[in-house]
Amino acid sequence: MNNKRIGFVGIIIDDREKCAGIVNTILSEFSNLILARTGLPNAKGDTSIITLVIDATPDELGSITGKLGAIQGISVKSGLAKK
């Protein structure tokens, strides 16, 4: 049974120079889940924002957000549609 649902991931990067490469590596690893990606590389100072539209199971969402959230200087929020 496929319990994939549409959802979003919001990523705030506080130190772009230090974290951008790590974030991009993780996003490449999960590229099969990502339907759309937008980014503001310098939203304010050295802070960047990336938003993703994803098609994922709850476990897949937990895996990508867990890896991103473990990076110092990264804040992550996410959600999936109910159906």
PDB file of N, CA and C in Angstrom:
ATOM      1  N   MET A   1       0.845  -1.196   0.000  1.00  0.00           N
ATOM      2  CA  MET A   1       0.000   0.000   0.000  1.00  0.00           C
ATOM      3  C   MET A   1       0.883   1.249   0.000  1.00  0.00           C
ATOM      4  N   ASN A   2       0.537   2.180  -0.862  1.00  0.00           N
ATOM      5  CA  ASN A   2       1.298   3.425  -0.987  1.00  0.00           C
ATOM      6  C   ASN A   2       0.624   4.499  -0.142  1.00  0.00           C
ATOM      7  N   ASN A   3       1.265   4.902   0.935  1.00  0.00           N
ATOM      8  CA  ASN A   3       0.682   5.940   1.791  1.00  0.00           C
ATOM      9  C   ASN A   3       1.439   7.262   1.640  1.00  0.00           C
ATOM     10  N   LYS A   4       1.951   7.498   0.408  1.00  0.00           N
ATOM     11  CA  LYS A   4       2.611   8.773   0.145  1.00  0.00           C
ATOM     12  C   LYS A   4       1.565   9.876   0.103  1.00  0.00           C
ATOM     13  N   ARG A   5       1.967  11.030   0.622  1.00  0.00           N
ATOM     14  CA  ARG A   5       1.082  12.189   0.621  1.00  0.00           C
ATOM     15  C   ARG A   5       1.878  13.414   0.212  1.00  0.00           C
ATOM     16  N   ILE A   6       1.179  14.388  -0.273  1.00  0.00           N
ATOM     17  CA  ILE A   6       1.801  15.663  -0.637  1.00  0.00           C
ATOM     18  C   ILE A   6       2.085  16.433   0.649  1.00  0.00           C
ATOM     19  N   GLY A   7       3.152  17.193   0.656  1.00  0.00           N
ATOM     20  CA  GLY A   7       3.494  17.950   1.847  1.00  0.00           C
ATOM     21  C   GLY A   7       4.530  19.014   1.556  1.00  0.00           C
ATOM     22  N   PHE A   8       5.067  19.584   2.613  1.00  0.00           N
ATOM     23  CA  PHE A   8       6.061  20.650   2.464  1.00  0.00           C
ATOM     24  C   PHE A   8       7.157  20.481   3.508  1.00  0.00           C
ATOM     25  N   VAL A   9       8.315  21.041   3.196  1.00  0.00           N
ATOM     26  CA  VAL A   9       9.415  21.149   4.145  1.00  0.00           C
ATOM     27  C   VAL A   9       9.933  22.572   4.027  1.00  0.00           C
ATOM     28  N   GLY A  10       9.997  23.279   5.153  1.00  0.00           N
ATOM     29  CA  GLY A  10      10.569  24.623   5.205  1.00  0.00           C
ATOM     30  C   GLY A  10      11.904  24.557   5.927  1.00  0.00           C
ATOM     31  N   ILE A  11      12.937  25.093   5.293  1.00  0.00           N
ATOM     32  CA  ILE A  11      14.295  25.018   5.842  1.00  0.00           C
ATOM     33  C   ILE A  11      14.839  26.428   5.983  1.00  0.00           C
ATOM     34  N   ILE A  12      15.292  26.788   7.175  1.00  0.00           N
ATOM     35  CA  ILE A  12      15.961  28.069   7.399  1.00  0.00           C
ATOM     36  C   ILE A  12      17.412  27.776   7.725  1.00  0.00           C
ATOM     37  N   ILE A  13      18.298  28.376   6.953  1.00  0.00           N
ATOM     38  CA  ILE A  13      19.731  28.180   7.113  1.00  0.00           C
ATOM     39  C   ILE A  13      20.316  29.459   7.681  1.00  0.00           C
ATOM     40  N   ASP A  14      20.847  29.388   8.898  1.00  0.00           N
ATOM     41  CA  ASP A  14      21.385  30.575   9.557  1.00  0.00           C
ATOM     42  C   ASP A  14      22.794  30.940   9.094  1.00  0.00           C
ATOM     43  N   ASP A  15      23.574  29.965   8.644  1.00  0.00           N
ATOM     44  CA  ASP A  15      24.935  30.222   8.183  1.00  0.00           C
ATOM     45  C   ASP A  15      25.103  29.554   6.823  1.00  0.00           C
ATOM     46  N   ARG A  16      24.741  30.279   5.768  1.00  0.00           N
ATOM     47  CA  ARG A  16      24.715  29.710   4.433  1.00  0.00           C
ATOM     48  C   ARG A  16      26.069  29.161   4.004  1.00  0.00           C
ATOM     49  N   GLU A  17      27.104  29.903   4.272  1.00  0.00           N
ATOM     50  CA  GLU A  17      28.429  29.487   3.829  1.00  0.00           C
ATOM     51  C   GLU A  17      28.835  28.142   4.443  1.00  0.00           C
ATOM     52  N   LYS A  18      28.490  27.951   5.710  1.00  0.00           N
ATOM     53  CA  LYS A  18      28.863  26.727   6.425  1.00  0.00           C
ATOM     54  C   LYS A  18      27.954  25.548   6.091  1.00  0.00           C
ATOM     55  N   CYS A  19      26.665  25.806   5.874  1.00  0.00           N
ATOM     56  CA  CYS A  19      25.681  24.725   5.815  1.00  0.00           C
ATOM     57  C   CYS A  19      25.142  24.382   4.426  1.00  0.00           C
ATOM     58  N   ALA A  20      25.264  25.273   3.461  1.00  0.00           N
ATOM     59  CA  ALA A  20      24.603  25.071   2.170  1.00  0.00           C
ATOM     60  C   ALA A  20      25.027  23.777   1.488  1.00  0.00           C
ATOM     61  N   GLY A  21      26.298  23.464   1.508  1.00  0.00           N
ATOM     62  CA  GLY A  21      26.769  22.245   0.850  1.00  0.00           C
ATOM     63  C   GLY A  21      26.186  20.991   1.478  1.00  0.00           C
ATOM     64  N   ILE A  22      26.127  20.968   2.804  1.00  0.00           N
ATOM     65  CA  ILE A  22      25.574  19.808   3.520  1.00  0.00           C
ATOM     66  C   ILE A  22      24.088  19.654   3.192  1.00  0.00           C
ATOM     67  N   VAL A  23      23.361  20.772   3.211  1.00  0.00           N
ATOM     68  CA  VAL A  23      21.924  20.740   2.910  1.00  0.00           C
ATOM     69  C   VAL A  23      21.705  20.238   1.487  1.00  0.00           C
ATOM     70  N   ASN A  24      22.460  20.744   0.536  1.00  0.00           N
ATOM     71  CA  ASN A  24      22.287  20.323  -0.860  1.00  0.00           C
ATOM     72  C   ASN A  24      22.603  18.840  -1.053  1.00  0.00           C
ATOM     73  N   THR A  25      23.571  18.317  -0.326  1.00  0.00           N
ATOM     74  CA  THR A  25      23.888  16.892  -0.397  1.00  0.00           C
ATOM     75  C   THR A  25      22.702  16.059   0.086  1.00  0.00           C
ATOM     76  N   ILE A  26      22.103  16.464   1.193  1.00  0.00           N
ATOM     77  CA  ILE A  26      20.937  15.738   1.728  1.00  0.00           C
ATOM     78  C   ILE A  26      19.755  15.843   0.769  1.00  0.00           C
ATOM     79  N   LEU A  27      19.520  17.028   0.220  1.00  0.00           N
ATOM     80  CA  LEU A  27      18.403  17.182  -0.719  1.00  0.00           C
ATOM     81  C   LEU A  27      18.616  16.336  -1.970  1.00  0.00           C
ATOM     82  N   SER A  28      19.842  16.205  -2.417  1.00  0.00           N
ATOM     83  CA  SER A  28      20.134  15.340  -3.572  1.00  0.00           C
ATOM     84  C   SER A  28      19.835  13.883  -3.242  1.00  0.00           C
ATOM     85  N   GLU A  29      20.152  13.478  -2.013  1.00  0.00           N
ATOM     86  CA  GLU A  29      19.897  12.112  -1.569  1.00  0.00           C
ATOM     87  C   GLU A  29      18.403  11.783  -1.603  1.00  0.00           C
ATOM     88  N   PHE A  30      17.567  12.780  -1.336  1.00  0.00           N
ATOM     89  CA  PHE A  30      16.113  12.587  -1.295  1.00  0.00           C
ATOM     90  C   PHE A  30      15.413  13.205  -2.512  1.00  0.00           C
ATOM     91  N   SER A  31      16.125  13.386  -3.607  1.00  0.00           N
ATOM     92  CA  SER A  31      15.560  14.077  -4.768  1.00  0.00           C
ATOM     93  C   SER A  31      14.329  13.380  -5.339  1.00  0.00           C
ATOM     94  N   ASN A  32      14.218  12.060  -5.137  1.00  0.00           N
ATOM     95  CA  ASN A  32      13.050  11.338  -5.637  1.00  0.00           C
ATOM     96  C   ASN A  32      11.760  11.743  -4.935  1.00  0.00           C
ATOM     97  N   LEU A  33      11.850  12.398  -3.770  1.00  0.00           N
ATOM     98  CA  LEU A  33      10.657  12.836  -3.027  1.00  0.00           C
ATOM     99  C   LEU A  33      10.256  14.271  -3.355  1.00  0.00           C
ATOM    100  N   ILE A  34      11.173  15.033  -3.940  1.00  0.00           N
ATOM    101  CA  ILE A  34      10.979  16.477  -4.113  1.00  0.00           C
ATOM    102  C   ILE A  34      10.302  16.780  -5.441  1.00  0.00           C
ATOM    103  N   LEU A  35       9.124  17.410  -5.357  1.00  0.00           N
ATOM    104  CA  LEU A  35       8.386  17.823  -6.554  1.00  0.00           C
ATOM    105  C   LEU A  35       8.778  19.228  -6.990  1.00  0.00           C
ATOM    106  N   ALA A  36       9.049  20.104  -6.023  1.00  0.00           N
ATOM    107  CA  ALA A  36       9.406  21.497  -6.327  1.00  0.00           C
ATOM    108  C   ALA A  36      10.297  22.031  -5.222  1.00  0.00           C
ATOM    109  N   ARG A  37      11.167  22.959  -5.612  1.00  0.00           N
ATOM    110  CA  ARG A  37      12.093  23.575  -4.650  1.00  0.00           C
ATOM    111  C   ARG A  37      12.217  25.047  -4.999  1.00  0.00           C
ATOM    112  N   THR A  38      12.068  25.893  -3.982  1.00  0.00           N
ATOM    113  CA  THR A  38      12.319  27.322  -4.170  1.00  0.00           C
ATOM    114  C   THR A  38      13.269  27.769  -3.066  1.00  0.00           C
ATOM    115  N   GLY A  39      14.020  28.797  -3.354  1.00  0.00           N
ATOM    116  CA  GLY A  39      14.962  29.263  -2.356  1.00  0.00           C
ATOM    117  C   GLY A  39      15.217  30.750  -2.444  1.00  0.00           C
ATOM    118  N   LEU A  40      15.477  31.335  -1.296  1.00  0.00           N
ATOM    119  CA  LEU A  40      15.930  32.718  -1.188  1.00  0.00           C
ATOM    120  C   LEU A  40      17.327  32.654  -0.587  1.00  0.00           C
ATOM    121  N   PRO A  41      18.374  32.789  -1.414  1.00  0.00           N
ATOM    122  CA  PRO A  41      19.732  32.578  -0.928  1.00  0.00           C
ATOM    123  C   PRO A  41      20.191  33.583   0.120  1.00  0.00           C
ATOM    124  N   ASN A  42      19.700  34.791   0.092  1.00  0.00           N
ATOM    125  CA  ASN A  42      20.075  35.796   1.092  1.00  0.00           C
ATOM    126  C   ASN A  42      18.817  36.505   1.561  1.00  0.00           C
ATOM    127  N   ALA A  43      17.956  35.762   2.250  1.00  0.00           N
ATOM    128  CA  ALA A  43      16.693  36.341   2.700  1.00  0.00           C
ATOM    129  C   ALA A  43      16.940  37.558   3.589  1.00  0.00           C
ATOM    130  N   LYS A  44      17.942  37.446   4.472  1.00  0.00           N
ATOM    131  CA  LYS A  44      18.319  38.558   5.336  1.00  0.00           C
ATOM    132  C   LYS A  44      19.709  38.259   5.865  1.00  0.00           C
ATOM    133  N   GLY A  45      20.660  39.031   5.420  1.00  0.00           N
ATOM    134  CA  GLY A  45      22.035  38.792   5.843  1.00  0.00           C
ATOM    135  C   GLY A  45      22.541  37.469   5.322  1.00  0.00           C
ATOM    136  N   ASP A  46      23.018  36.618   6.207  1.00  0.00           N
ATOM    137  CA  ASP A  46      23.545  35.305   5.836  1.00  0.00           C
ATOM    138  C   ASP A  46      22.501  34.205   6.012  1.00  0.00           C
ATOM    139  N   THR A  47      21.242  34.590   6.223  1.00  0.00           N
ATOM    140  CA  THR A  47      20.160  33.625   6.408  1.00  0.00           C
ATOM    141  C   THR A  47      19.503  33.323   5.065  1.00  0.00           C
ATOM    142  N   SER A  48      19.344  32.042   4.780  1.00  0.00           N
ATOM    143  CA  SER A  48      18.698  31.586   3.548  1.00  0.00           C
ATOM    144  C   SER A  48      17.477  30.750   3.898  1.00  0.00           C
ATOM    145  N   ILE A  49      16.533  30.702   2.962  1.00  0.00           N
ATOM    146  CA  ILE A  49      15.313  29.915   3.157  1.00  0.00           C
ATOM    147  C   ILE A  49      15.095  29.048   1.931  1.00  0.00           C
ATOM    148  N   ILE A  50      14.805  27.771   2.178  1.00  0.00           N
ATOM    149  CA  ILE A  50      14.452  26.840   1.107  1.00  0.00           C
ATOM    150  C   ILE A  50      13.093  26.244   1.456  1.00  0.00           C
ATOM    151  N   THR A  51      12.208  26.187   0.472  1.00  0.00           N
ATOM    152  CA  THR A  51      10.930  25.504   0.665  1.00  0.00           C
ATOM    153  C   THR A  51      10.841  24.376  -0.360  1.00  0.00           C
ATOM    154  N   LEU A  52      10.352  23.249   0.100  1.00  0.00           N
ATOM    155  CA  LEU A  52      10.194  22.079  -0.756  1.00  0.00           C
ATOM    156  C   LEU A  52       8.738  21.649  -0.774  1.00  0.00           C
ATOM    157  N   VAL A  53       8.267  21.205  -1.919  1.00  0.00           N
ATOM    158  CA  VAL A  53       7.003  20.488  -2.028  1.00  0.00           C
ATOM    159  C   VAL A  53       7.403  19.041  -2.257  1.00  0.00           C
ATOM    160  N   ILE A  54       6.871  18.149  -1.429  1.00  0.00           N
ATOM    161  CA  ILE A  54       7.293  16.754  -1.481  1.00  0.00           C
ATOM    162  C   ILE A  54       6.102  15.808  -1.662  1.00  0.00           C
ATOM    163  N   ASP A  55       6.406  14.601  -2.097  1.00  0.00           N
ATOM    164  CA  ASP A  55       5.449  13.499  -2.148  1.00  0.00           C
ATOM    165  C   ASP A  55       6.129  12.360  -1.403  1.00  0.00           C
ATOM    166  N   ALA A  56       5.727  12.138  -0.147  1.00  0.00           N
ATOM    167  CA  ALA A  56       6.476  11.227   0.717  1.00  0.00           C
ATOM    168  C   ALA A  56       5.568  10.537   1.721  1.00  0.00           C
ATOM    169  N   THR A  57       6.066   9.436   2.241  1.00  0.00           N
ATOM    170  CA  THR A  57       5.404   8.772   3.362  1.00  0.00           C
ATOM    171  C   THR A  57       5.823   9.499   4.638  1.00  0.00           C
ATOM    172  N   PRO A  58       5.101   9.292   5.728  1.00  0.00           N
ATOM    173  CA  PRO A  58       5.540   9.896   6.990  1.00  0.00           C
ATOM    174  C   PRO A  58       6.965   9.480   7.381  1.00  0.00           C
ATOM    175  N   ASP A  59       7.333   8.233   7.138  1.00  0.00           N
ATOM    176  CA  ASP A  59       8.689   7.780   7.462  1.00  0.00           C
ATOM    177  C   ASP A  59       9.737   8.478   6.602  1.00  0.00           C
ATOM    178  N   GLU A  60       9.449   8.652   5.321  1.00  0.00           N
ATOM    179  CA  GLU A  60      10.383   9.352   4.435  1.00  0.00           C
ATOM    180  C   GLU A  60      10.531  10.816   4.856  1.00  0.00           C
ATOM    181  N   LEU A  61       9.413  11.439   5.209  1.00  0.00           N
ATOM    182  CA  LEU A  61       9.466  12.821   5.687  1.00  0.00           C
ATOM    183  C   LEU A  61      10.310  12.907   6.952  1.00  0.00           C
ATOM    184  N   GLY A  62      10.110  11.974   7.870  1.00  0.00           N
ATOM    185  CA  GLY A  62      10.890  11.958   9.103  1.00  0.00           C
ATOM    186  C   GLY A  62      12.379  11.772   8.844  1.00  0.00           C
ATOM    187  N   SER A  63      12.705  10.994   7.849  1.00  0.00           N
ATOM    188  CA  SER A  63      14.107  10.745   7.523  1.00  0.00           C
ATOM    189  C   SER A  63      14.784  12.004   6.994  1.00  0.00           C
ATOM    190  N   ILE A  64      14.153  12.692   6.052  1.00  0.00           N
ATOM    191  CA  ILE A  64      14.769  13.898   5.493  1.00  0.00           C
ATOM    192  C   ILE A  64      14.817  15.028   6.525  1.00  0.00           C
ATOM    193  N   THR A  65      13.742  15.220   7.274  1.00  0.00           N
ATOM    194  CA  THR A  65      13.748  16.311   8.256  1.00  0.00           C
ATOM    195  C   THR A  65      14.687  16.005   9.412  1.00  0.00           C
ATOM    196  N   GLY A  66      14.827  14.728   9.779  1.00  0.00           N
ATOM    197  CA  GLY A  66      15.759  14.353  10.830  1.00  0.00           C
ATOM    198  C   GLY A  66      17.197  14.650  10.452  1.00  0.00           C
ATOM    199  N   LYS A  67      17.558  14.311   9.222  1.00  0.00           N
ATOM    200  CA  LYS A  67      18.925  14.586   8.758  1.00  0.00           C
ATOM    201  C   LYS A  67      19.186  16.085   8.677  1.00  0.00           C
ATOM    202  N   LEU A  68      18.218  16.835   8.159  1.00  0.00           N
ATOM    203  CA  LEU A  68      18.394  18.286   8.050  1.00  0.00           C
ATOM    204  C   LEU A  68      18.431  18.934   9.431  1.00  0.00           C
ATOM    205  N   GLY A  69      17.537  18.520  10.313  1.00  0.00           N
ATOM    206  CA  GLY A  69      17.450  19.108  11.645  1.00  0.00           C
ATOM    207  C   GLY A  69      18.660  18.833  12.520  1.00  0.00           C
ATOM    208  N   ALA A  70      19.435  17.802  12.175  1.00  0.00           N
ATOM    209  CA  ALA A  70      20.627  17.470  12.954  1.00  0.00           C
ATOM    210  C   ALA A  70      21.801  18.404  12.652  1.00  0.00           C
ATOM    211  N   ILE A  71      21.675  19.209  11.608  1.00  0.00           N
ATOM    212  CA  ILE A  71      22.754  20.118  11.227  1.00  0.00           C
ATOM    213  C   ILE A  71      22.651  21.377  12.075  1.00  0.00           C
ATOM    214  N   GLN A  72      23.750  21.729  12.738  1.00  0.00           N
ATOM    215  CA  GLN A  72      23.764  22.949  13.547  1.00  0.00           C
ATOM    216  C   GLN A  72      23.581  24.154  12.633  1.00  0.00           C
ATOM    217  N   GLY A  73      22.666  25.054  13.026  1.00  0.00           N
ATOM    218  CA  GLY A  73      22.397  26.250  12.232  1.00  0.00           C
ATOM    219  C   GLY A  73      21.244  26.095  11.256  1.00  0.00           C
ATOM    220  N   ILE A  74      20.554  24.952  11.309  1.00  0.00           N
ATOM    221  CA  ILE A  74      19.415  24.684  10.427  1.00  0.00           C
ATOM    222  C   ILE A  74      18.154  24.531  11.268  1.00  0.00           C
ATOM    223  N   SER A  75      17.065  25.179  10.825  1.00  0.00           N
ATOM    224  CA  SER A  75      15.736  24.979  11.422  1.00  0.00           C
ATOM    225  C   SER A  75      14.841  24.380  10.353  1.00  0.00           C
ATOM    226  N   VAL A  76      14.040  23.375  10.721  1.00  0.00           N
ATOM    227  CA  VAL A  76      13.195  22.675   9.773  1.00  0.00           C
ATOM    228  C   VAL A  76      11.782  22.540  10.324  1.00  0.00           C
ATOM    229  N   LYS A  77      10.807  22.823   9.487  1.00  0.00           N
ATOM    230  CA  LYS A  77       9.397  22.580   9.808  1.00  0.00           C
ATOM    231  C   LYS A  77       8.791  21.865   8.603  1.00  0.00           C
ATOM    232  N   SER A  78       7.826  20.981   8.868  1.00  0.00           N
ATOM    233  CA  SER A  78       7.252  20.208   7.765  1.00  0.00           C
ATOM    234  C   SER A  78       5.822  19.817   8.076  1.00  0.00           C
ATOM    235  N   GLY A  79       5.150  19.356   7.045  1.00  0.00           N
ATOM    236  CA  GLY A  79       3.785  18.852   7.212  1.00  0.00           C
ATOM    237  C   GLY A  79       3.360  18.040   6.007  1.00  0.00           C
ATOM    238  N   LEU A  80       2.417  17.128   6.233  1.00  0.00           N
ATOM    239  CA  LEU A  80       1.854  16.323   5.162  1.00  0.00           C
ATOM    240  C   LEU A  80       0.342  16.518   5.140  1.00  0.00           C
ATOM    241  N   ALA A  81      -0.221  16.427   3.946  1.00  0.00           N
ATOM    242  CA  ALA A  81      -1.675  16.466   3.812  1.00  0.00           C
ATOM    243  C   ALA A  81      -2.276  15.268   4.550  1.00  0.00           C
ATOM    244  N   LYS A  82      -3.505  15.397   5.002  1.00  0.00           N
ATOM    245  CA  LYS A  82      -4.150  14.314   5.755  1.00  0.00           C
ATOM    246  C   LYS A  82      -4.436  13.103   4.878  1.00  0.00           C
ATOM    247  N   LYS A  83      -4.689  13.327   3.592  1.00  0.00           N
ATOM    248  CA  LYS A  83      -4.970  12.213   2.668  1.00  0.00           C
ATOM    249  C   LYS A  83      -4.117  12.311   1.442  1.00  0.00           C
TER     250      LYS A  83
END
